[in-house]
Amino acid sequence: MNSHFTIYTVSWVLYCLLALVMFLRDRRSYAVARREYWRDLVKPWKVVTFLVAAISFMVMAPYTGDPTWDAFDAGFMSLFTFASAPFAVGSLYRMVTGRLPVGQLVVISAVWMFSASWCYDIYIFLRDGSYPVTWSSNITASSLLYFLAGLLWNLDWKKGKGVILSFREETWPYASRERVFGRIVWFALPVMILVAVLMLYFVWTYLRPSG
C-alpha cells in the first residue's frame, strides 16, 4: 500500500472509531439503535426483496468484468446496505430538514461510507494485498445503489396519506403492522428496475462479443 492509501485508510478507520464513540455515547438518539427500526426492517416484503437483490448481485458479480467484485463482497455489501441504508438515508433527510442535530452527520456518513465503500476496500486489500484501483469509482456507483435502497426500504402506506417515505413521519422509526406491498408496489418497481438495469448493463458490457 503506497503512502497515499495508507493515509486514506488510517483516516477512515479513525473516522469510523470516532463515529462509534459518538454513537455509543448517545445511541438512543439514532434510529438504528431502536427496536422499532429493526422490527420494521424484517417485514416479509423487505426481507424478500433484499434476498432477491443480494442473490442476484452474488450470481452476477463474476460477470461484471470487475475482478475486485466477487460473490463474497457482493453478499456482505448487500447485507450492510439492507441493515443500514434505511437508517442513513432517512437520518440524512431528517438532519437536513432540521429534525436531527448536524452532529449526527459523523455517524450517518461513517455508516454510509463503510457500507458502500470502506468494507469493500479493506476486503480487497486483505484478499489481493493491494488497495483496489476501483476505490473511487466504487464510491459513486455503490452510493447510488445505497441511496436507492434507502428509499425503497423506507416506502410505506398510511390511511389518508397513501404511499409515503416513512422517514418523513414524526414517529419514525416505527414498526407498521400494515401489509403494504400491494399498495406500494408501483412505487417500488421503478427503483428495483433501475437497479436491475444498472447491473445488467455491466454484465452485458462484459459478455458482449468484442469488435
C-alpha atoms as a PDB file:
ATOM      1  CA  MET A   1       0.000   0.000   0.000  1.00  0.00           C
ATOM      2  CA  ASN A   2       1.535   3.329  -1.001  1.00  0.00           C
ATOM      3  CA  SER A   3       1.669   6.304   1.340  1.00  0.00           C
ATOM      4  CA  HIS A   4      -1.452   7.941  -0.091  1.00  0.00           C
ATOM      5  CA  PHE A   5      -3.597   4.862   0.523  1.00  0.00           C
ATOM      6  CA  THR A   6      -2.035   4.394   3.950  1.00  0.00           C
ATOM      7  CA  ILE A   7      -3.064   7.923   4.938  1.00  0.00           C
ATOM      8  CA  TYR A   8      -6.531   7.427   3.446  1.00  0.00           C
ATOM      9  CA  THR A   9      -7.052   4.093   5.235  1.00  0.00           C
ATOM     10  CA  VAL A  10      -5.828   5.357   8.597  1.00  0.00           C
ATOM     11  CA  SER A  11      -8.067   8.416   8.201  1.00  0.00           C
ATOM     12  CA  TRP A  12     -11.245   6.465   7.531  1.00  0.00           C
ATOM     13  CA  VAL A  13     -10.503   3.931  10.260  1.00  0.00           C
ATOM     14  CA  LEU A  14     -10.082   6.777  12.775  1.00  0.00           C
ATOM     15  CA  TYR A  15     -13.254   8.404  11.430  1.00  0.00           C
ATOM     16  CA  CYS A  16     -15.187   5.172  11.980  1.00  0.00           C
ATOM     17  CA  LEU A  17     -13.825   4.890  15.516  1.00  0.00           C
ATOM     18  CA  LEU A  18     -14.899   8.478  16.221  1.00  0.00           C
ATOM     19  CA  ALA A  19     -18.356   7.692  14.850  1.00  0.00           C
ATOM     20  CA  LEU A  20     -18.561   4.576  17.044  1.00  0.00           C
ATOM     21  CA  VAL A  21     -17.678   6.568  20.167  1.00  0.00           C
ATOM     22  CA  MET A  22     -20.283   9.221  19.314  1.00  0.00           C
ATOM     23  CA  PHE A  23     -22.885   6.541  18.677  1.00  0.00           C
ATOM     24  CA  LEU A  24     -22.233   4.716  21.953  1.00  0.00           C
ATOM     25  CA  ARG A  25     -22.381   7.955  23.954  1.00  0.00           C
ATOM     26  CA  ASP A  26     -25.926   8.712  22.796  1.00  0.00           C
ATOM     27  CA  ARG A  27     -27.119   5.646  20.934  1.00  0.00           C
ATOM     28  CA  ARG A  28     -30.832   6.062  21.686  1.00  0.00           C
ATOM     29  CA  SER A  29     -30.879   9.229  19.578  1.00  0.00           C
ATOM     30  CA  TYR A  30     -30.037   7.166  16.487  1.00  0.00           C
ATOM     31  CA  ALA A  31     -32.843   5.342  14.711  1.00  0.00           C
ATOM     32  CA  VAL A  32     -30.686   2.303  14.010  1.00  0.00           C
ATOM     33  CA  ALA A  33     -30.394   1.607  17.752  1.00  0.00           C
ATOM     34  CA  ARG A  34     -34.148   1.398  18.286  1.00  0.00           C
ATOM     35  CA  ARG A  35     -36.150  -1.812  18.325  1.00  0.00           C
ATOM     36  CA  GLU A  36     -38.818  -0.321  16.061  1.00  0.00           C
ATOM     37  CA  TYR A  37     -36.276   0.181  13.260  1.00  0.00           C
ATOM     38  CA  TRP A  38     -35.338  -3.490  13.204  1.00  0.00           C
ATOM     39  CA  ARG A  39     -38.903  -4.713  13.633  1.00  0.00           C
ATOM     40  CA  ASP A  40     -39.916  -2.717  10.580  1.00  0.00           C
ATOM     41  CA  LEU A  41     -36.870  -3.832   8.604  1.00  0.00           C
ATOM     42  CA  VAL A  42     -37.762  -7.521   8.884  1.00  0.00           C
ATOM     43  CA  LYS A  43     -41.174  -7.141   7.272  1.00  0.00           C
ATOM     44  CA  PRO A  44     -41.636 -10.017   4.798  1.00  0.00           C
ATOM     45  CA  TRP A  45     -41.640  -7.805   1.679  1.00  0.00           C
ATOM     46  CA  LYS A  46     -38.419  -6.107   2.721  1.00  0.00           C
ATOM     47  CA  VAL A  47     -36.666  -9.381   3.525  1.00  0.00           C
ATOM     48  CA  VAL A  48     -37.816 -10.953   0.253  1.00  0.00           C
ATOM     49  CA  THR A  49     -36.682  -8.002  -1.872  1.00  0.00           C
ATOM     50  CA  PHE A  50     -33.356  -7.990  -0.020  1.00  0.00           C
ATOM     51  CA  LEU A  51     -32.820 -11.699  -0.667  1.00  0.00           C
ATOM     52  CA  VAL A  52     -33.705 -11.357  -4.354  1.00  0.00           C
ATOM     53  CA  ALA A  53     -31.301  -8.412  -4.729  1.00  0.00           C
ATOM     54  CA  ALA A  54     -28.480 -10.000  -2.730  1.00  0.00           C
ATOM     55  CA  ILE A  55     -28.644 -13.345  -4.541  1.00  0.00           C
ATOM     56  CA  SER A  56     -28.813 -11.571  -7.910  1.00  0.00           C
ATOM     57  CA  PHE A  57     -25.727  -9.492  -7.099  1.00  0.00           C
ATOM     58  CA  MET A  58     -23.825 -12.548  -5.879  1.00  0.00           C
ATOM     59  CA  VAL A  59     -24.663 -14.521  -9.038  1.00  0.00           C
ATOM     60  CA  MET A  60     -23.896 -11.657 -11.416  1.00  0.00           C
ATOM     61  CA  ALA A  61     -20.734 -10.387  -9.703  1.00  0.00           C
ATOM     62  CA  PRO A  62     -18.299 -12.652 -11.618  1.00  0.00           C
ATOM     63  CA  TYR A  63     -19.796 -11.459 -14.931  1.00  0.00           C
ATOM     64  CA  THR A  64     -19.462  -7.713 -14.460  1.00  0.00           C
ATOM     65  CA  GLY A  65     -15.881  -7.589 -15.728  1.00  0.00           C
ATOM     66  CA  ASP A  66     -14.670  -6.194 -12.406  1.00  0.00           C
ATOM     67  CA  PRO A  67     -12.055  -8.541 -10.853  1.00  0.00           C
ATOM     68  CA  THR A  68     -12.489  -6.880  -7.470  1.00  0.00           C
ATOM     69  CA  TRP A  69     -16.134  -7.900  -7.264  1.00  0.00           C
ATOM     70  CA  ASP A  70     -16.919 -11.458  -6.254  1.00  0.00           C
ATOM     71  CA  ALA A  71     -19.830 -13.274  -4.657  1.00  0.00           C
ATOM     72  CA  PHE A  72     -18.453 -12.697  -1.162  1.00  0.00           C
ATOM     73  CA  ASP A  73     -18.142  -8.906  -1.245  1.00  0.00           C
ATOM     74  CA  ALA A  74     -21.415  -8.677  -3.208  1.00  0.00           C
ATOM     75  CA  GLY A  75     -23.033 -10.591  -0.351  1.00  0.00           C
ATOM     76  CA  PHE A  76     -21.699  -8.679   2.621  1.00  0.00           C
ATOM     77  CA  MET A  77     -22.171  -5.290   0.941  1.00  0.00           C
ATOM     78  CA  SER A  78     -25.786  -6.240   0.215  1.00  0.00           C
ATOM     79  CA  LEU A  79     -26.283  -7.198   3.865  1.00  0.00           C
ATOM     80  CA  PHE A  80     -24.717  -3.976   5.169  1.00  0.00           C
ATOM     81  CA  THR A  81     -26.857  -1.979   2.751  1.00  0.00           C
ATOM     82  CA  PHE A  82     -30.055  -3.676   3.863  1.00  0.00           C
ATOM     83  CA  ALA A  83     -29.224  -3.167   7.526  1.00  0.00           C
ATOM     84  CA  SER A  84     -28.108   0.451   7.328  1.00  0.00           C
ATOM     85  CA  ALA A  85     -29.348   2.251   4.193  1.00  0.00           C
ATOM     86  CA  PRO A  86     -32.886   2.922   5.522  1.00  0.00           C
ATOM     87  CA  PHE A  87     -31.287   4.452   8.625  1.00  0.00           C
ATOM     88  CA  ALA A  88     -28.644   6.509   6.799  1.00  0.00           C
ATOM     89  CA  VAL A  89     -30.926   7.895   4.081  1.00  0.00           C
ATOM     90  CA  GLY A  90     -33.765   8.609   6.499  1.00  0.00           C
ATOM     91  CA  SER A  91     -31.500  10.211   9.098  1.00  0.00           C
ATOM     92  CA  LEU A  92     -29.780  12.361   6.477  1.00  0.00           C
ATOM     93  CA  TYR A  93     -33.146  13.683   5.323  1.00  0.00           C
ATOM     94  CA  ARG A  94     -34.213  14.431   8.897  1.00  0.00           C
ATOM     95  CA  MET A  95     -30.907  16.152   9.638  1.00  0.00           C
ATOM     96  CA  VAL A  96     -31.190  18.356   6.521  1.00  0.00           C
ATOM     97  CA  THR A  97     -34.757  19.291   7.463  1.00  0.00           C
ATOM     98  CA  GLY A  98     -33.728  20.260  10.988  1.00  0.00           C
ATOM     99  CA  ARG A  99     -35.199  17.329  12.892  1.00  0.00           C
ATOM    100  CA  LEU A 100     -31.840  15.877  13.882  1.00  0.00           C
ATOM    101  CA  PRO A 101     -28.704  17.682  15.095  1.00  0.00           C
ATOM    102  CA  VAL A 102     -25.994  18.296  12.495  1.00  0.00           C
ATOM    103  CA  GLY A 103     -23.522  16.455  14.725  1.00  0.00           C
ATOM    104  CA  GLN A 104     -25.182  13.168  13.780  1.00  0.00           C
ATOM    105  CA  LEU A 105     -23.680  13.550  10.303  1.00  0.00           C
ATOM    106  CA  VAL A 106     -20.476  11.922  11.584  1.00  0.00           C
ATOM    107  CA  VAL A 107     -22.274   8.672  12.413  1.00  0.00           C
ATOM    108  CA  ILE A 108     -24.570   8.805   9.370  1.00  0.00           C
ATOM    109  CA  SER A 109     -21.706   9.379   6.934  1.00  0.00           C
ATOM    110  CA  ALA A 110     -19.487   6.748   8.562  1.00  0.00           C
ATOM    111  CA  VAL A 111     -22.239   4.135   8.328  1.00  0.00           C
ATOM    112  CA  TRP A 112     -22.932   5.097   4.699  1.00  0.00           C
ATOM    113  CA  MET A 113     -19.296   5.097   3.609  1.00  0.00           C
ATOM    114  CA  PHE A 114     -18.367   1.915   5.462  1.00  0.00           C
ATOM    115  CA  SER A 115     -21.309   0.025   3.963  1.00  0.00           C
ATOM    116  CA  ALA A 116     -20.913   1.360   0.424  1.00  0.00           C
ATOM    117  CA  SER A 117     -17.141   1.658   0.166  1.00  0.00           C
ATOM    118  CA  TRP A 118     -14.757   1.078   3.042  1.00  0.00           C
ATOM    119  CA  CYS A 119     -15.789  -2.513   3.821  1.00  0.00           C
ATOM    120  CA  TYR A 120     -15.121  -3.307   0.144  1.00  0.00           C
ATOM    121  CA  ASP A 121     -11.762  -1.505   0.202  1.00  0.00           C
ATOM    122  CA  ILE A 122     -10.443  -3.399   3.197  1.00  0.00           C
ATOM    123  CA  TYR A 123     -11.710  -6.749   1.888  1.00  0.00           C
ATOM    124  CA  ILE A 124      -9.913  -6.304  -1.449  1.00  0.00           C
ATOM    125  CA  PHE A 125      -6.750  -5.184   0.337  1.00  0.00           C
ATOM    126  CA  LEU A 126      -6.795  -8.284   2.547  1.00  0.00           C
ATOM    127  CA  ARG A 127      -7.659 -10.552  -0.415  1.00  0.00           C
ATOM    128  CA  ASP A 128      -5.241  -9.154  -3.001  1.00  0.00           C
ATOM    129  CA  GLY A 129      -2.600  -7.390  -0.926  1.00  0.00           C
ATOM    130  CA  SER A 130      -3.198  -4.034  -2.623  1.00  0.00           C
ATOM    131  CA  TYR A 131      -5.724  -1.256  -2.366  1.00  0.00           C
ATOM    132  CA  PRO A 132      -8.408  -1.556  -5.092  1.00  0.00           C
ATOM    133  CA  VAL A 133      -7.802   0.757  -8.043  1.00  0.00           C
ATOM    134  CA  THR A 134     -11.594   0.987  -8.322  1.00  0.00           C
ATOM    135  CA  TRP A 135     -11.982   2.522  -4.861  1.00  0.00           C
ATOM    136  CA  SER A 136     -13.077   5.963  -6.092  1.00  0.00           C
ATOM    137  CA  SER A 137     -15.439   4.769  -8.837  1.00  0.00           C
ATOM    138  CA  ASN A 138     -16.953   2.316  -6.373  1.00  0.00           C
ATOM    139  CA  ILE A 139     -17.910   5.178  -4.050  1.00  0.00           C
ATOM    140  CA  THR A 140     -20.099   6.726  -6.747  1.00  0.00           C
ATOM    141  CA  ALA A 141     -21.649   3.505  -8.063  1.00  0.00           C
ATOM    142  CA  SER A 142     -22.264   1.910  -4.673  1.00  0.00           C
ATOM    143  CA  SER A 143     -23.564   5.145  -3.120  1.00  0.00           C
ATOM    144  CA  LEU A 144     -26.186   5.419  -5.867  1.00  0.00           C
ATOM    145  CA  LEU A 145     -27.358   1.872  -5.168  1.00  0.00           C
ATOM    146  CA  TYR A 146     -27.200   2.564  -1.425  1.00  0.00           C
ATOM    147  CA  PHE A 147     -29.365   5.674  -1.781  1.00  0.00           C
ATOM    148  CA  LEU A 148     -31.932   3.818  -3.901  1.00  0.00           C
ATOM    149  CA  ALA A 149     -32.040   1.007  -1.329  1.00  0.00           C
ATOM    150  CA  GLY A 150     -32.602   3.521   1.454  1.00  0.00           C
ATOM    151  CA  LEU A 151     -35.590   4.942  -0.418  1.00  0.00           C
ATOM    152  CA  LEU A 152     -37.010   1.523  -1.298  1.00  0.00           C
ATOM    153  CA  TRP A 153     -36.953   0.137   2.223  1.00  0.00           C
ATOM    154  CA  ASN A 154     -38.443   3.330   3.646  1.00  0.00           C
ATOM    155  CA  LEU A 155     -41.545   3.100   1.458  1.00  0.00           C
ATOM    156  CA  ASP A 156     -44.787   2.755   3.407  1.00  0.00           C
ATOM    157  CA  TRP A 157     -48.509   3.327   3.100  1.00  0.00           C
ATOM    158  CA  LYS A 158     -50.768   5.144   5.555  1.00  0.00           C
ATOM    159  CA  LYS A 159     -54.501   5.548   5.536  1.00  0.00           C
ATOM    160  CA  GLY A 160     -55.395   9.090   4.495  1.00  0.00           C
ATOM    161  CA  LYS A 161     -51.901   9.739   3.121  1.00  0.00           C
ATOM    162  CA  GLY A 162     -51.307   6.951   0.643  1.00  0.00           C
ATOM    163  CA  VAL A 163     -47.752   5.966  -0.265  1.00  0.00           C
ATOM    164  CA  ILE A 164     -45.153   7.764   1.835  1.00  0.00           C
ATOM    165  CA  LEU A 165     -41.494   7.706   2.743  1.00  0.00           C
ATOM    166  CA  SER A 166     -41.591   6.644   6.382  1.00  0.00           C
ATOM    167  CA  PHE A 167     -38.686   8.842   7.473  1.00  0.00           C
ATOM    168  CA  ARG A 168     -40.846  11.908   6.804  1.00  0.00           C
ATOM    169  CA  GLU A 169     -43.191  10.884   9.631  1.00  0.00           C
ATOM    170  CA  GLU A 170     -42.652  12.399  13.060  1.00  0.00           C
ATOM    171  CA  THR A 171     -42.773   8.962  14.715  1.00  0.00           C
ATOM    172  CA  TRP A 172     -40.016   7.411  12.548  1.00  0.00           C
ATOM    173  CA  PRO A 173     -38.717   4.826  13.065  1.00  0.00           C
ATOM    174  CA  TYR A 174     -41.873   2.887  13.707  1.00  0.00           C
ATOM    175  CA  ALA A 175     -42.959  -0.694  13.114  1.00  0.00           C
ATOM    176  CA  SER A 176     -46.048  -0.631  10.919  1.00  0.00           C
ATOM    177  CA  ARG A 177     -48.326  -3.663  11.059  1.00  0.00           C
ATOM    178  CA  GLU A 178     -49.985  -2.914   7.743  1.00  0.00           C
ATOM    179  CA  ARG A 179     -49.487  -5.231   4.778  1.00  0.00           C
ATOM    180  CA  VAL A 180     -48.480  -2.542   2.358  1.00  0.00           C
ATOM    181  CA  PHE A 181     -46.548  -4.109  -0.502  1.00  0.00           C
ATOM    182  CA  GLY A 182     -49.596  -4.405  -2.739  1.00  0.00           C
ATOM    183  CA  ARG A 183     -50.176  -0.673  -2.294  1.00  0.00           C
ATOM    184  CA  ILE A 184     -46.565   0.455  -2.780  1.00  0.00           C
ATOM    185  CA  VAL A 185     -45.505  -1.989  -5.489  1.00  0.00           C
ATOM    186  CA  TRP A 186     -45.872   0.548  -8.317  1.00  0.00           C
ATOM    187  CA  PHE A 187     -43.530   2.890  -6.453  1.00  0.00           C
ATOM    188  CA  ALA A 188     -41.080   0.127  -5.540  1.00  0.00           C
ATOM    189  CA  LEU A 189     -40.880  -1.340  -9.044  1.00  0.00           C
ATOM    190  CA  PRO A 190     -39.156   1.653 -10.699  1.00  0.00           C
ATOM    191  CA  VAL A 191     -36.410   1.530  -8.057  1.00  0.00           C
ATOM    192  CA  MET A 192     -35.935  -2.217  -8.450  1.00  0.00           C
ATOM    193  CA  ILE A 193     -35.976  -1.977 -12.257  1.00  0.00           C
ATOM    194  CA  LEU A 194     -33.371   0.813 -12.219  1.00  0.00           C
ATOM    195  CA  VAL A 195     -31.052  -1.286 -10.055  1.00  0.00           C
ATOM    196  CA  ALA A 196     -31.581  -4.306 -12.325  1.00  0.00           C
ATOM    197  CA  VAL A 197     -30.855  -2.262 -15.456  1.00  0.00           C
ATOM    198  CA  LEU A 198     -27.618  -0.923 -13.972  1.00  0.00           C
ATOM    199  CA  MET A 199     -26.452  -4.425 -13.103  1.00  0.00           C
ATOM    200  CA  LEU A 200     -27.463  -5.946 -16.432  1.00  0.00           C
ATOM    201  CA  TYR A 201     -25.647  -3.162 -18.267  1.00  0.00           C
ATOM    202  CA  PHE A 202     -22.359  -4.122 -16.611  1.00  0.00           C
ATOM    203  CA  VAL A 203     -22.944  -7.805 -17.359  1.00  0.00           C
ATOM    204  CA  TRP A 204     -23.892  -7.125 -21.000  1.00  0.00           C
ATOM    205  CA  THR A 205     -20.842  -4.897 -21.497  1.00  0.00           C
ATOM    206  CA  TYR A 206     -18.599  -7.669 -20.196  1.00  0.00           C
ATOM    207  CA  LEU A 207     -20.177 -10.562 -22.111  1.00  0.00           C
ATOM    208  CA  ARG A 208     -20.868  -8.943 -25.493  1.00  0.00           C
ATOM    209  CA  PRO A 209     -18.517 -10.009 -28.287  1.00  0.00           C
ATOM    210  CA  SER A 210     -15.632  -7.581 -28.881  1.00  0.00           C
ATOM    211  CA  GLY A 211     -15.326  -5.876 -32.278  1.00  0.00           C
END
